[in-house]
Structure formats: C-alpha cells, structure tokens
Amino acid sequence: MALLAAGVLAAWVGWPSPSKPQPNNPTPNNPTPQNPPTAGPPTLGVGELLAGHAGPAGEWRLAWWQEDPRVLVIDFPSLREQGLAMNRVAAFLQKAGAPRDRLLDDAELANFIAQRGETNDTFFHGHDFSQADLTRFFQQALRQQLRLGMQELKLRNALTASGLLSDEPGAPRAVVTFTATQPDDPSTPQTEAVDALRREAILRHELSHGRFYTQPAYRAHCHVLWNEMLTERQRQRLRQHLAELGYDTSDETLVVNEAQAYLLHTPDNRAFSAAQAGMGEQELQAVRAQFWQSLPPEVRGKDGRQPLKAR
C-alpha cells in the first residue's frame, strides 16, 4: 500500500504530491536490465537498513527484514528510480480512479500522475505490496502484452530471484521500499526532499505494512484497532484523510492497513499528525497505548513496538 502526507508529502506508501508530467517509462523497448541480483539478499535490522545506502547509478539494495524475514526491503537510490519501478504497480493496486482490471500504459500512467498534481518522483515516497499482489501485477502485464520499462523488468528479475513471484502455497511474503536521502528540486512545486527523519519514517511505515501482510495475528489486531478502538468519528476522519491522499477507500483492507501505519508507525508529523486523524494529541497517544498494550505477544518482537517521537 504504498506513505502520503497532505500537501508536503501527498503520497507516501505510499505518499502522493504536486506536478509536472513526466513519462513513467521512457524506454521504448523491453531491454534486459543490467546487474540482476546474483546472490541472495542479506538479513538486516532496522538500524542496519537505515545506516546503509543504495548504490550510485541506479543500483538497488535488497535485504530481508531481520524482524520478519518474509519481508523483502528494497532501498532505491532516488525517488526517480523508485517511481519508474513501482508507480504502475501502485496505480493498479492502490490508487482511486485507476482501473483494477488492466494496467495503465506509459502515456495513461503519465497522465494519471500529472492529473493528481504529481510527478514520477513524488507519486509515492515508499511502497508496500504482498507477494500475491505483485504476482498478479506481472501476470496482468503478460496477459495485456504490455511493454514494461527497464526498472519494472529489473524489479521482476529481482523478485523472481528472491522467490517472490509465485502462486505456490506457503507462508505469505511481502515487499516494501524506501529510498536514499536526497535534496529538494527548487525548480518544481512538488517536494522531492527526503531527509534522514523522513527516510526513517517511510521505512518504519512501510515495514508495518509488511507485518500486516505476513502476520495474521497482527493483521487481525489492526482490524480490532479500526473497528473497536477508534470511534466512528475518528474512522470517518481517517477515511477522509486517506481519500485526500488518493487511496482507494472502497478497499476496506487497504484502509485498515494504511490507518495502522499512519497512526502507529509514522514518526514524522510532517507526514502525519493527530489533527489529520481528527484527534487531539492525548487522544492519539491513548489509542496507541491501547493498541500496544493489547497486542498479542506472538507478534510483539524486538521491533514490534516502536515508540513514536513525532518531530
């Protein structure tokens, strides 16, 4: 489900923002991506993921998350590289107004992004998808005989090498993404800046989605959060906020997944604040405390409870 923040970070995991149309996949053919992964990704904790960096010249860094090794993390060197690999997937699976029965071609995707006041780089600041959804995306591309871009093919190769494109039964797995830090481009109205705090908040937000996909007990507790811990007023305000960010709020599972990630795992109040949830700060802290205190022990883990330090 790819973080989003109104105005400044309109689309995180997603996050959408404002606009100069850029072609999503400028490559005219389906070239063979360079440097496909040849060795299995390492297993890293949050601190190691934040301390490391994606490589230059389009090099990606892949790792399994130590806290839940069913979650593959992709660290992109830039928002641009991430967008070229992931934006079509996000439109297909998460964005309101995009078709669910077919993939947008390059021109349609560029127009879809531009109409929302975004660019390829700012459409999302991070992503999260289940193994099943990624498999469905690439199967749909094959059915449509859609020409994918170089970064999308590189993504397909990386997922295949990691065993993440499969219909075979087994433990559910997921993919989350974030990027290196980068400066803002002052020539655009959008916000391309990713500082250290934003980078950490994106990663923690996206990892919580990974946990939602792979851990049924955690996912069930998130539904308790949505249905029992929040009031109807709070649910309505959160649903409105997610709609403003461009999420498909007709997808109730997506709504619950994004609600838990914003409420519990986004330690950057430029991206999410109590007011955006229709709450006071003490009210929000009370909801967080109730969630963590009642979390099933089997899904706590070392990184299961991350106190949020909103800054």
C-alpha atoms as a PDB file:
ATOM      1  CA  MET A   1       0.000   0.000   0.000  1.00  0.00           C
ATOM      2  CA  ALA A   2       2.208   2.202  -0.815  1.00  0.00           C
ATOM      3  CA  LEU A   3       3.147   6.915   2.857  1.00  0.00           C
ATOM      4  CA  LEU A   4       1.291  10.046   2.000  1.00  0.00           C
ATOM      5  CA  ALA A   5       1.105  13.477   3.583  1.00  0.00           C
ATOM      6  CA  ALA A   6      -1.315  16.183   2.638  1.00  0.00           C
ATOM      7  CA  GLY A   7       0.461  18.946   0.812  1.00  0.00           C
ATOM      8  CA  VAL A   8       4.048  18.290   1.756  1.00  0.00           C
ATOM      9  CA  LEU A   9       4.009  14.503   1.367  1.00  0.00           C
ATOM     10  CA  ALA A  10       0.948  13.814  -0.526  1.00  0.00           C
ATOM     11  CA  ALA A  11       1.766  10.161  -1.336  1.00  0.00           C
ATOM     12  CA  TRP A  12       3.905   8.032   0.842  1.00  0.00           C
ATOM     13  CA  VAL A  13       3.390   4.324   0.702  1.00  0.00           C
ATOM     14  CA  GLY A  14       2.712   5.367  -0.040  1.00  0.00           C
ATOM     15  CA  TRP A  15       2.841   9.356  -0.424  1.00  0.00           C
ATOM     16  CA  PRO A  16       1.356  11.433  -3.396  1.00  0.00           C
ATOM     17  CA  SER A  17       2.397  15.271  -4.132  1.00  0.00           C
ATOM     18  CA  PRO A  18       2.053  18.335  -6.936  1.00  0.00           C
ATOM     19  CA  SER A  19       3.081  18.303 -10.731  1.00  0.00           C
ATOM     20  CA  LYS A  20       4.950  18.324 -13.951  1.00  0.00           C
ATOM     21  CA  PRO A  21       4.065  15.337 -16.116  1.00  0.00           C
ATOM     22  CA  GLN A  22       6.976  13.011 -16.675  1.00  0.00           C
ATOM     23  CA  PRO A  23       6.848   9.825 -18.729  1.00  0.00           C
ATOM     24  CA  ASN A  24       6.836   6.916 -16.323  1.00  0.00           C
ATOM     25  CA  ASN A  25       8.715   4.527 -18.574  1.00  0.00           C
ATOM     26  CA  PRO A  26      10.601   6.388 -21.280  1.00  0.00           C
ATOM     27  CA  THR A  27      12.401   3.279 -22.542  1.00  0.00           C
ATOM     28  CA  PRO A  28      10.736   2.260 -25.835  1.00  0.00           C
ATOM     29  CA  ASN A  29      11.557  -1.445 -25.651  1.00  0.00           C
ATOM     30  CA  ASN A  30      11.957  -4.137 -23.050  1.00  0.00           C
ATOM     31  CA  PRO A  31      15.744  -4.089 -22.620  1.00  0.00           C
ATOM     32  CA  THR A  32      17.454  -6.626 -20.429  1.00  0.00           C
ATOM     33  CA  PRO A  33      18.021  -4.916 -17.066  1.00  0.00           C
ATOM     34  CA  GLN A  34      21.629  -4.580 -16.032  1.00  0.00           C
ATOM     35  CA  ASN A  35      23.070  -6.137 -12.902  1.00  0.00           C
ATOM     36  CA  PRO A  36      20.305  -8.598 -11.942  1.00  0.00           C
ATOM     37  CA  PRO A  37      20.837  -9.922  -8.420  1.00  0.00           C
ATOM     38  CA  THR A  38      23.139 -12.933  -8.365  1.00  0.00           C
ATOM     39  CA  ALA A  39      23.317 -13.650  -4.620  1.00  0.00           C
ATOM     40  CA  GLY A  40      20.596 -13.854  -2.015  1.00  0.00           C
ATOM     41  CA  PRO A  41      19.864 -10.620  -0.138  1.00  0.00           C
ATOM     42  CA  PRO A  42      21.280 -10.308   3.403  1.00  0.00           C
ATOM     43  CA  THR A  43      19.074 -10.179   6.502  1.00  0.00           C
ATOM     44  CA  LEU A  44      19.213  -6.768   8.219  1.00  0.00           C
ATOM     45  CA  GLY A  45      17.588  -4.983  11.130  1.00  0.00           C
ATOM     46  CA  VAL A  46      16.055  -1.516  11.008  1.00  0.00           C
ATOM     47  CA  GLY A  47      19.239   0.156  12.217  1.00  0.00           C
ATOM     48  CA  GLU A  48      21.313  -1.567   9.548  1.00  0.00           C
ATOM     49  CA  LEU A  49      18.776  -0.694   6.861  1.00  0.00           C
ATOM     50  CA  LEU A  50      18.910   2.965   7.873  1.00  0.00           C
ATOM     51  CA  ALA A  51      22.699   3.014   8.192  1.00  0.00           C
ATOM     52  CA  GLY A  52      23.285   1.565   4.729  1.00  0.00           C
ATOM     53  CA  HIS A  53      22.597   3.221   1.416  1.00  0.00           C
ATOM     54  CA  ALA A  54      21.564   2.227  -2.054  1.00  0.00           C
ATOM     55  CA  GLY A  55      24.367   2.437  -4.571  1.00  0.00           C
ATOM     56  CA  PRO A  56      25.005   5.039  -7.276  1.00  0.00           C
ATOM     57  CA  ALA A  57      23.931   4.896 -10.917  1.00  0.00           C
ATOM     58  CA  GLY A  58      20.656   3.083 -10.320  1.00  0.00           C
ATOM     59  CA  GLU A  59      21.998   0.342  -8.052  1.00  0.00           C
ATOM     60  CA  TRP A  60      19.394  -1.075  -5.679  1.00  0.00           C
ATOM     61  CA  ARG A  61      19.998  -2.564  -2.240  1.00  0.00           C
ATOM     62  CA  LEU A  62      17.869  -5.568  -1.277  1.00  0.00           C
ATOM     63  CA  ALA A  63      17.598  -7.160   2.168  1.00  0.00           C
ATOM     64  CA  TRP A  64      15.267  -9.366   4.148  1.00  0.00           C
ATOM     65  CA  TRP A  65      13.962  -7.699   7.321  1.00  0.00           C
ATOM     66  CA  GLN A  66      15.520  -9.333  10.365  1.00  0.00           C
ATOM     67  CA  GLU A  67      12.405  -8.878  12.484  1.00  0.00           C
ATOM     68  CA  ASP A  68      10.302 -10.706   9.886  1.00  0.00           C
ATOM     69  CA  PRO A  69      12.395 -12.380   7.154  1.00  0.00           C
ATOM     70  CA  ARG A  70       9.322 -12.833   4.986  1.00  0.00           C
ATOM     71  CA  VAL A  71       9.510  -9.099   4.202  1.00  0.00           C
ATOM     72  CA  LEU A  72      11.891  -8.067   1.414  1.00  0.00           C
ATOM     73  CA  VAL A  73      13.103  -4.457   1.611  1.00  0.00           C
ATOM     74  CA  ILE A  74      14.283  -2.591  -1.485  1.00  0.00           C
ATOM     75  CA  ASP A  75      16.310   0.565  -0.890  1.00  0.00           C
ATOM     76  CA  PHE A  76      16.314   2.706  -4.037  1.00  0.00           C
ATOM     77  CA  PRO A  77      18.992   5.323  -4.774  1.00  0.00           C
ATOM     78  CA  SER A  78      16.387   8.002  -5.576  1.00  0.00           C
ATOM     79  CA  LEU A  79      12.684   8.745  -5.772  1.00  0.00           C
ATOM     80  CA  ARG A  80      13.005   8.760  -9.543  1.00  0.00           C
ATOM     81  CA  GLU A  81      14.390   5.238  -9.700  1.00  0.00           C
ATOM     82  CA  GLN A  82      11.747   4.016  -7.267  1.00  0.00           C
ATOM     83  CA  GLY A  83       8.935   5.646  -9.221  1.00  0.00           C
ATOM     84  CA  LEU A  84       9.991   4.109 -12.526  1.00  0.00           C
ATOM     85  CA  ALA A  85       9.965   0.670 -10.892  1.00  0.00           C
ATOM     86  CA  MET A  86       6.878   0.914  -8.692  1.00  0.00           C
ATOM     87  CA  ASN A  87       4.375   3.581  -9.803  1.00  0.00           C
ATOM     88  CA  ARG A  88       2.451   1.425 -12.269  1.00  0.00           C
ATOM     89  CA  VAL A  89       2.074  -1.273  -9.608  1.00  0.00           C
ATOM     90  CA  ALA A  90       0.787   1.275  -7.084  1.00  0.00           C
ATOM     91  CA  ALA A  91      -1.737   2.747  -9.520  1.00  0.00           C
ATOM     92  CA  PHE A  92      -3.064  -0.735 -10.316  1.00  0.00           C
ATOM     93  CA  LEU A  93      -3.384  -1.861  -6.692  1.00  0.00           C
ATOM     94  CA  GLN A  94      -3.998   1.203  -4.533  1.00  0.00           C
ATOM     95  CA  LYS A  95      -4.933   4.427  -6.291  1.00  0.00           C
ATOM     96  CA  ALA A  96      -8.511   5.629  -6.560  1.00  0.00           C
ATOM     97  CA  GLY A  97      -9.531   6.282 -10.157  1.00  0.00           C
ATOM     98  CA  ALA A  98      -7.166   3.748 -11.746  1.00  0.00           C
ATOM     99  CA  PRO A  99      -8.616   0.598 -13.345  1.00  0.00           C
ATOM    100  CA  ARG A 100      -8.401  -2.655 -11.395  1.00  0.00           C
ATOM    101  CA  ASP A 101      -8.871  -4.928 -14.406  1.00  0.00           C
ATOM    102  CA  ARG A 102      -5.953  -3.697 -16.513  1.00  0.00           C
ATOM    103  CA  LEU A 103      -2.631  -1.855 -16.252  1.00  0.00           C
ATOM    104  CA  LEU A 104      -2.180   1.707 -17.462  1.00  0.00           C
ATOM    105  CA  ASP A 105       0.181   2.074 -20.385  1.00  0.00           C
ATOM    106  CA  ASP A 106       3.014   4.617 -20.252  1.00  0.00           C
ATOM    107  CA  ALA A 107       1.014   7.550 -21.629  1.00  0.00           C
ATOM    108  CA  GLU A 108      -2.007   6.782 -19.436  1.00  0.00           C
ATOM    109  CA  LEU A 109       0.154   6.478 -16.342  1.00  0.00           C
ATOM    110  CA  ALA A 110       1.983   9.757 -17.016  1.00  0.00           C
ATOM    111  CA  ASN A 111      -1.390  11.486 -17.498  1.00  0.00           C
ATOM    112  CA  PHE A 112      -2.863   9.836 -14.380  1.00  0.00           C
ATOM    113  CA  ILE A 113       0.065  11.052 -12.266  1.00  0.00           C
ATOM    114  CA  ALA A 114       0.013  14.571 -13.740  1.00  0.00           C
ATOM    115  CA  GLN A 115      -3.740  14.953 -13.179  1.00  0.00           C
ATOM    116  CA  ARG A 116      -3.085  14.411  -9.474  1.00  0.00           C
ATOM    117  CA  GLY A 117      -0.506  17.180  -9.356  1.00  0.00           C
ATOM    118  CA  GLU A 118       2.401  14.751  -9.053  1.00  0.00           C
ATOM    119  CA  THR A 119       5.468  13.640 -10.959  1.00  0.00           C
ATOM    120  CA  ASN A 120       7.048  10.239 -11.378  1.00  0.00           C
ATOM    121  CA  ASP A 121       9.305  11.104  -8.435  1.00  0.00           C
ATOM    122  CA  THR A 122       6.649  12.285  -5.975  1.00  0.00           C
ATOM    123  CA  PHE A 123       3.716   9.977  -6.795  1.00  0.00           C
ATOM    124  CA  PHE A 124       4.769   7.821  -3.829  1.00  0.00           C
ATOM    125  CA  HIS A 125       7.628   8.136  -1.336  1.00  0.00           C
ATOM    126  CA  GLY A 126       7.553   4.456  -0.350  1.00  0.00           C
ATOM    127  CA  HIS A 127       5.703   1.286  -1.313  1.00  0.00           C
ATOM    128  CA  ASP A 128       4.384  -1.962   0.098  1.00  0.00           C
ATOM    129  CA  PHE A 129       2.822  -4.928  -1.654  1.00  0.00           C
ATOM    130  CA  SER A 130       2.010  -8.530  -0.877  1.00  0.00           C
ATOM    131  CA  GLN A 131       3.589 -11.335  -2.845  1.00  0.00           C
ATOM    132  CA  ALA A 132       0.144 -12.244  -4.224  1.00  0.00           C
ATOM    133  CA  ASP A 133      -0.487  -8.710  -5.494  1.00  0.00           C
ATOM    134  CA  LEU A 134       2.921  -8.437  -7.171  1.00  0.00           C
ATOM    135  CA  THR A 135       2.397 -11.795  -8.848  1.00  0.00           C
ATOM    136  CA  ARG A 136      -0.999 -10.579 -10.066  1.00  0.00           C
ATOM    137  CA  PHE A 137       0.546  -7.387 -11.472  1.00  0.00           C
ATOM    138  CA  PHE A 138       3.137  -9.198 -13.576  1.00  0.00           C
ATOM    139  CA  GLN A 139       0.607 -11.787 -14.710  1.00  0.00           C
ATOM    140  CA  GLN A 140      -1.656  -8.948 -15.871  1.00  0.00           C
ATOM    141  CA  ALA A 141       1.226  -7.332 -17.767  1.00  0.00           C
ATOM    142  CA  LEU A 142       1.770 -10.649 -19.548  1.00  0.00           C
ATOM    143  CA  ARG A 143      -1.916 -11.014 -20.391  1.00  0.00           C
ATOM    144  CA  GLN A 144      -2.009  -7.475 -21.796  1.00  0.00           C
ATOM    145  CA  GLN A 145       1.311  -7.951 -23.577  1.00  0.00           C
ATOM    146  CA  LEU A 146       2.209  -4.605 -22.023  1.00  0.00           C
ATOM    147  CA  ARG A 147       5.725  -3.372 -22.678  1.00  0.00           C
ATOM    148  CA  LEU A 148       7.293  -2.709 -19.305  1.00  0.00           C
ATOM    149  CA  GLY A 149      10.110  -0.269 -18.609  1.00  0.00           C
ATOM    150  CA  MET A 150      13.669  -1.176 -17.706  1.00  0.00           C
ATOM    151  CA  GLN A 151      13.192  -0.628 -13.969  1.00  0.00           C
ATOM    152  CA  GLU A 152       9.996  -2.694 -13.938  1.00  0.00           C
ATOM    153  CA  LEU A 153      11.822  -5.550 -15.635  1.00  0.00           C
ATOM    154  CA  LYS A 154      14.638  -5.209 -13.144  1.00  0.00           C
ATOM    155  CA  LEU A 155      12.043  -5.429 -10.375  1.00  0.00           C
ATOM    156  CA  ARG A 156      10.568  -8.573 -11.928  1.00  0.00           C
ATOM    157  CA  ASN A 157      14.018 -10.162 -12.117  1.00  0.00           C
ATOM    158  CA  ALA A 158      14.818  -9.237  -8.509  1.00  0.00           C
ATOM    159  CA  LEU A 159      11.520 -10.629  -7.227  1.00  0.00           C
ATOM    160  CA  THR A 160      11.905 -13.810  -9.249  1.00  0.00           C
ATOM    161  CA  ALA A 161      15.434 -14.337  -7.923  1.00  0.00           C
ATOM    162  CA  SER A 162      14.134 -13.854  -4.380  1.00  0.00           C
ATOM    163  CA  GLY A 163      11.266 -16.322  -4.882  1.00  0.00           C
ATOM    164  CA  LEU A 164       8.588 -13.670  -4.607  1.00  0.00           C
ATOM    165  CA  LEU A 165       6.758 -14.209  -7.884  1.00  0.00           C
ATOM    166  CA  SER A 166       4.928 -17.440  -7.313  1.00  0.00           C
ATOM    167  CA  ASP A 167       1.391 -18.744  -6.965  1.00  0.00           C
ATOM    168  CA  GLU A 168       2.635 -21.676  -4.904  1.00  0.00           C
ATOM    169  CA  PRO A 169       1.080 -22.018  -1.456  1.00  0.00           C
ATOM    170  CA  GLY A 170       3.238 -21.160   1.506  1.00  0.00           C
ATOM    171  CA  ALA A 171       3.840 -18.509   4.119  1.00  0.00           C
ATOM    172  CA  PRO A 172       2.763 -15.075   2.802  1.00  0.00           C
ATOM    173  CA  ARG A 173       5.561 -12.700   1.927  1.00  0.00           C
ATOM    174  CA  ALA A 174       5.747  -9.017   1.085  1.00  0.00           C
ATOM    175  CA  VAL A 175       7.913  -6.305  -0.464  1.00  0.00           C
ATOM    176  CA  VAL A 176       8.416  -2.803   0.931  1.00  0.00           C
ATOM    177  CA  THR A 177      10.519   0.027  -0.475  1.00  0.00           C
ATOM    178  CA  PHE A 178      12.135   3.267   0.584  1.00  0.00           C
ATOM    179  CA  THR A 179      14.887   5.493  -0.811  1.00  0.00           C
ATOM    180  CA  ALA A 180      18.158   7.212  -0.042  1.00  0.00           C
ATOM    181  CA  THR A 181      18.082  10.778   1.220  1.00  0.00           C
ATOM    182  CA  GLN A 182      18.000  13.464  -1.457  1.00  0.00           C
ATOM    183  CA  PRO A 183      17.578  17.254  -1.720  1.00  0.00           C
ATOM    184  CA  ASP A 184      14.520  19.056  -2.978  1.00  0.00           C
ATOM    185  CA  ASP A 185      14.432  20.317  -6.549  1.00  0.00           C
ATOM    186  CA  PRO A 186      13.683  24.052  -6.153  1.00  0.00           C
ATOM    187  CA  SER A 187      12.517  24.327  -9.754  1.00  0.00           C
ATOM    188  CA  THR A 188       9.380  22.203  -9.110  1.00  0.00           C
ATOM    189  CA  PRO A 189       6.289  22.840  -6.973  1.00  0.00           C
ATOM    190  CA  GLN A 190       6.480  19.286  -5.599  1.00  0.00           C
ATOM    191  CA  THR A 191       8.568  18.207  -2.613  1.00  0.00           C
ATOM    192  CA  GLU A 192      11.306  15.782  -3.599  1.00  0.00           C
ATOM    193  CA  ALA A 193      13.350  16.200  -0.403  1.00  0.00           C
ATOM    194  CA  VAL A 194      13.987  13.086   1.685  1.00  0.00           C
ATOM    195  CA  ASP A 195      15.925  13.896   4.840  1.00  0.00           C
ATOM    196  CA  ALA A 196      17.039  11.396   7.490  1.00  0.00           C
ATOM    197  CA  LEU A 197      13.875  11.719   9.580  1.00  0.00           C
ATOM    198  CA  ARG A 198      11.593  11.320   6.596  1.00  0.00           C
ATOM    199  CA  ARG A 199      13.611   8.331   5.372  1.00  0.00           C
ATOM    200  CA  GLU A 200      13.268   6.600   8.741  1.00  0.00           C
ATOM    201  CA  ALA A 201       9.559   7.376   8.965  1.00  0.00           C
ATOM    202  CA  ILE A 202       8.965   5.978   5.475  1.00  0.00           C
ATOM    203  CA  LEU A 203      10.847   2.795   6.306  1.00  0.00           C
ATOM    204  CA  ARG A 204       9.019   2.226   9.598  1.00  0.00           C
ATOM    205  CA  HIS A 205       5.673   2.985   7.964  1.00  0.00           C
ATOM    206  CA  GLU A 206       6.339   0.534   5.142  1.00  0.00           C
ATOM    207  CA  LEU A 207       7.681  -2.214   7.410  1.00  0.00           C
ATOM    208  CA  SER A 208       4.429  -2.082   9.364  1.00  0.00           C
ATOM    209  CA  HIS A 209       2.637  -2.867   6.101  1.00  0.00           C
ATOM    210  CA  GLY A 210       4.975  -5.817   5.615  1.00  0.00           C
ATOM    211  CA  ARG A 211       3.987  -7.094   9.058  1.00  0.00           C
ATOM    212  CA  PHE A 212       0.304  -6.585   8.168  1.00  0.00           C
ATOM    213  CA  TYR A 213       0.706  -8.811   5.083  1.00  0.00           C
ATOM    214  CA  THR A 214       2.737 -11.595   6.690  1.00  0.00           C
ATOM    215  CA  GLN A 215       1.407 -11.882  10.252  1.00  0.00           C
ATOM    216  CA  PRO A 216      -2.287 -12.834  10.542  1.00  0.00           C
ATOM    217  CA  ALA A 217      -2.389 -12.092  14.293  1.00  0.00           C
ATOM    218  CA  TYR A 218      -1.037  -8.576  13.752  1.00  0.00           C
ATOM    219  CA  ARG A 219      -3.454  -8.014  10.853  1.00  0.00           C
ATOM    220  CA  ALA A 220      -6.387  -9.178  12.988  1.00  0.00           C
ATOM    221  CA  HIS A 221      -5.343  -6.804  15.777  1.00  0.00           C
ATOM    222  CA  CYS A 222      -5.273  -3.931  13.274  1.00  0.00           C
ATOM    223  CA  HIS A 223      -8.895  -4.709  12.418  1.00  0.00           C
ATOM    224  CA  VAL A 224      -9.671  -4.544  16.150  1.00  0.00           C
ATOM    225  CA  LEU A 225      -7.956  -1.137  16.203  1.00  0.00           C
ATOM    226  CA  TRP A 226     -10.131   0.088  13.344  1.00  0.00           C
ATOM    227  CA  ASN A 227     -13.452  -1.429  14.402  1.00  0.00           C
ATOM    228  CA  GLU A 228     -13.286  -1.236  18.196  1.00  0.00           C
ATOM    229  CA  MET A 229     -10.584   1.164  19.411  1.00  0.00           C
ATOM    230  CA  LEU A 230     -11.481   4.059  17.106  1.00  0.00           C
ATOM    231  CA  THR A 231     -14.756   5.944  17.287  1.00  0.00           C
ATOM    232  CA  GLU A 232     -16.995   6.340  14.268  1.00  0.00           C
ATOM    233  CA  ARG A 233     -15.965   9.993  14.058  1.00  0.00           C
ATOM    234  CA  GLN A 234     -12.289   9.034  14.025  1.00  0.00           C
ATOM    235  CA  ARG A 235     -12.865   6.382  11.366  1.00  0.00           C
ATOM    236  CA  GLN A 236     -14.699   8.860   9.160  1.00  0.00           C
ATOM    237  CA  ARG A 237     -11.935  11.443   9.514  1.00  0.00           C
ATOM    238  CA  LEU A 238      -9.206   8.912   8.756  1.00  0.00           C
ATOM    239  CA  ARG A 239     -11.110   7.606   5.748  1.00  0.00           C
ATOM    240  CA  GLN A 240     -11.494  11.176   4.505  1.00  0.00           C
ATOM    241  CA  HIS A 241      -7.780  11.813   5.010  1.00  0.00           C
ATOM    242  CA  LEU A 242      -6.837   8.659   3.079  1.00  0.00           C
ATOM    243  CA  ALA A 243      -9.192   9.673   0.257  1.00  0.00           C
ATOM    244  CA  GLU A 244      -7.497  13.079   0.132  1.00  0.00           C
ATOM    245  CA  LEU A 245      -4.203  11.268  -0.293  1.00  0.00           C
ATOM    246  CA  GLY A 246      -5.617   9.375  -3.254  1.00  0.00           C
ATOM    247  CA  TYR A 247      -6.110   5.921  -1.744  1.00  0.00           C
ATOM    248  CA  ASP A 248      -8.949   3.721  -2.934  1.00  0.00           C
ATOM    249  CA  THR A 249     -11.085   3.880   0.200  1.00  0.00           C
ATOM    250  CA  SER A 250     -13.578   1.370  -1.213  1.00  0.00           C
ATOM    251  CA  ASP A 251     -10.933  -1.242  -0.358  1.00  0.00           C
ATOM    252  CA  GLU A 252     -11.543  -1.789   3.357  1.00  0.00           C
ATOM    253  CA  THR A 253      -8.398  -3.873   3.882  1.00  0.00           C
ATOM    254  CA  LEU A 254      -6.318  -1.098   2.322  1.00  0.00           C
ATOM    255  CA  VAL A 255      -7.983   1.459   4.611  1.00  0.00           C
ATOM    256  CA  VAL A 256      -7.248  -0.597   7.756  1.00  0.00           C
ATOM    257  CA  ASN A 257      -3.668  -1.228   6.631  1.00  0.00           C
ATOM    258  CA  GLU A 258      -2.976   2.447   5.967  1.00  0.00           C
ATOM    259  CA  ALA A 259      -4.720   3.544   9.156  1.00  0.00           C
ATOM    260  CA  GLN A 260      -2.494   1.365  11.332  1.00  0.00           C
ATOM    261  CA  ALA A 261       0.656   2.512   9.526  1.00  0.00           C
ATOM    262  CA  TYR A 262      -0.148   6.206   9.898  1.00  0.00           C
ATOM    263  CA  LEU A 263      -1.477   6.019  13.438  1.00  0.00           C
ATOM    264  CA  LEU A 264       1.262   3.801  14.866  1.00  0.00           C
ATOM    265  CA  HIS A 265       4.351   3.823  12.649  1.00  0.00           C
ATOM    266  CA  THR A 266       4.922   7.255  11.127  1.00  0.00           C
ATOM    267  CA  PRO A 267       7.299   9.206  13.405  1.00  0.00           C
ATOM    268  CA  ASP A 268       7.337  12.409  11.365  1.00  0.00           C
ATOM    269  CA  ASN A 269       4.493  14.850  11.922  1.00  0.00           C
ATOM    270  CA  ARG A 270       5.155  16.442   8.537  1.00  0.00           C
ATOM    271  CA  ALA A 271       3.675  13.226   7.147  1.00  0.00           C
ATOM    272  CA  PHE A 272       1.007  12.539   9.748  1.00  0.00           C
ATOM    273  CA  SER A 273      -0.337  14.310  12.821  1.00  0.00           C
ATOM    274  CA  ALA A 274      -3.110  13.835  15.358  1.00  0.00           C
ATOM    275  CA  ALA A 275      -5.131  16.582  13.665  1.00  0.00           C
ATOM    276  CA  GLN A 276      -5.181  14.622  10.403  1.00  0.00           C
ATOM    277  CA  ALA A 277      -6.834  11.795  12.324  1.00  0.00           C
ATOM    278  CA  GLY A 278      -9.376  14.189  13.790  1.00  0.00           C
ATOM    279  CA  MET A 279      -7.828  13.725  17.239  1.00  0.00           C
ATOM    280  CA  GLY A 280      -6.049  15.700  19.908  1.00  0.00           C
ATOM    281  CA  GLU A 281      -2.515  14.633  20.748  1.00  0.00           C
ATOM    282  CA  GLN A 282      -3.508  12.975  24.032  1.00  0.00           C
ATOM    283  CA  GLU A 283      -6.345  11.159  22.284  1.00  0.00           C
ATOM    284  CA  LEU A 284      -3.927   9.758  19.714  1.00  0.00           C
ATOM    285  CA  GLN A 285      -1.456   8.681  22.381  1.00  0.00           C
ATOM    286  CA  ALA A 286      -4.255   6.875  24.208  1.00  0.00           C
ATOM    287  CA  VAL A 287      -5.198   4.933  21.055  1.00  0.00           C
ATOM    288  CA  ARG A 288      -1.551   3.972  20.526  1.00  0.00           C
ATOM    289  CA  ALA A 289      -1.190   2.832  24.122  1.00  0.00           C
ATOM    290  CA  GLN A 290      -4.343   0.747  23.919  1.00  0.00           C
ATOM    291  CA  PHE A 291      -3.139  -0.926  20.735  1.00  0.00           C
ATOM    292  CA  TRP A 292       0.327  -1.827  22.049  1.00  0.00           C
ATOM    293  CA  GLN A 293      -0.883  -2.957  25.461  1.00  0.00           C
ATOM    294  CA  SER A 294      -3.339  -5.390  23.878  1.00  0.00           C
ATOM    295  CA  LEU A 295      -1.051  -6.593  21.066  1.00  0.00           C
ATOM    296  CA  PRO A 296      -0.793 -10.409  21.008  1.00  0.00           C
ATOM    297  CA  PRO A 297       2.569 -11.471  22.498  1.00  0.00           C
ATOM    298  CA  GLU A 298       3.450 -13.625  19.488  1.00  0.00           C
ATOM    299  CA  VAL A 299       3.708 -10.580  17.217  1.00  0.00           C
ATOM    300  CA  ARG A 300       5.471  -8.143  19.527  1.00  0.00           C
ATOM    301  CA  GLY A 301       9.069  -8.949  18.618  1.00  0.00           C
ATOM    302  CA  LYS A 302      12.033  -6.685  19.248  1.00  0.00           C
ATOM    303  CA  ASP A 303      10.826  -4.167  16.706  1.00  0.00           C
ATOM    304  CA  GLY A 304       7.129  -4.713  17.153  1.00  0.00           C
ATOM    305  CA  ARG A 305       6.650  -1.704  19.370  1.00  0.00           C
ATOM    306  CA  GLN A 306       8.419   1.451  18.251  1.00  0.00           C
ATOM    307  CA  PRO A 307       7.539   4.485  20.403  1.00  0.00           C
ATOM    308  CA  LEU A 308       6.780   7.344  18.051  1.00  0.00           C
ATOM    309  CA  LYS A 309       8.770  10.509  18.578  1.00  0.00           C
ATOM    310  CA  ALA A 310       6.862  12.981  16.438  1.00  0.00           C
ATOM    311  CA  ARG A 311       9.117  15.795  15.290  1.00  0.00           C
END
